[in-house]
């Protein structure tokens, strides 16, 4: 590896800073793909990252071959589940999912509704566990699903119960940061007061987002959001508020399992 590939600078930082341009290009591509909802073309990537099409092509070819991105159209690319799979191999994330699944199955069996567990990932929320509805009709959110964190019930739940410093860091790159700051502050305050999220979905009509925080008993920090996308069935007796109470109970049991596990 040449000095042009890895360099060390002595600037305001007290310690050395190393530069690996090729690695940084690849990470820029992955981060950009993780921040957009539509699969971009090579040209879109080059324009967004200030790179030539040739530079982007070479990096995309390697990332696609290694399984980190996938081609969703002849010239459009998206993140694969490879990064998610790597993240889920971390002991902390694996322990969280393993602790949650029994309670999630219990919730689904007792209520007839699906549920999912989401965690914060940068300025997004990502679903790390899911249990489908045992009923004939239900709404499901797949594992690995990502959305801007302020756009979903799960994300709002995570934001509401984060420490102020962590919430500020999370919202730095959020598209909602400036345009809806007042709305977001009021909404998060209401969620904290209620102890859960109970509001119409901002992504789909006819869905009510219900979400409760999984709080680390030792630190008071939110670990995840346990959520149910509620669809009102004509023969169902339970109301959304009833499910919110059930979710809060289940989230509390999950937190205790994580602490004692």
Foldseek 3Di string as FASTA:
>chain_A
DDCVQWDWDDDPDPDTDIHGPLVVLLVLQQVVLQVDDFFDFLVVSCVVVVHDSVSSVVSVVVCVVVQQWHDPDPGTIHGDCVVVVVVCPPPLNVLLQVLQVVLQVVLLVVQQFKKFKWFDDQQKIFTQGIDHGPDPDYDTDDHGDIDGLVQFQFSLQQLLQADPVVNCRSCPPGPCVPVPVVVSVVVSVVCVVVQWAWAAHNPDPQWTKTWHFQAQPVPSHTGIIMITGDHDDPPGDDDSVVSNVSRNVSSPSSNVSSNVD
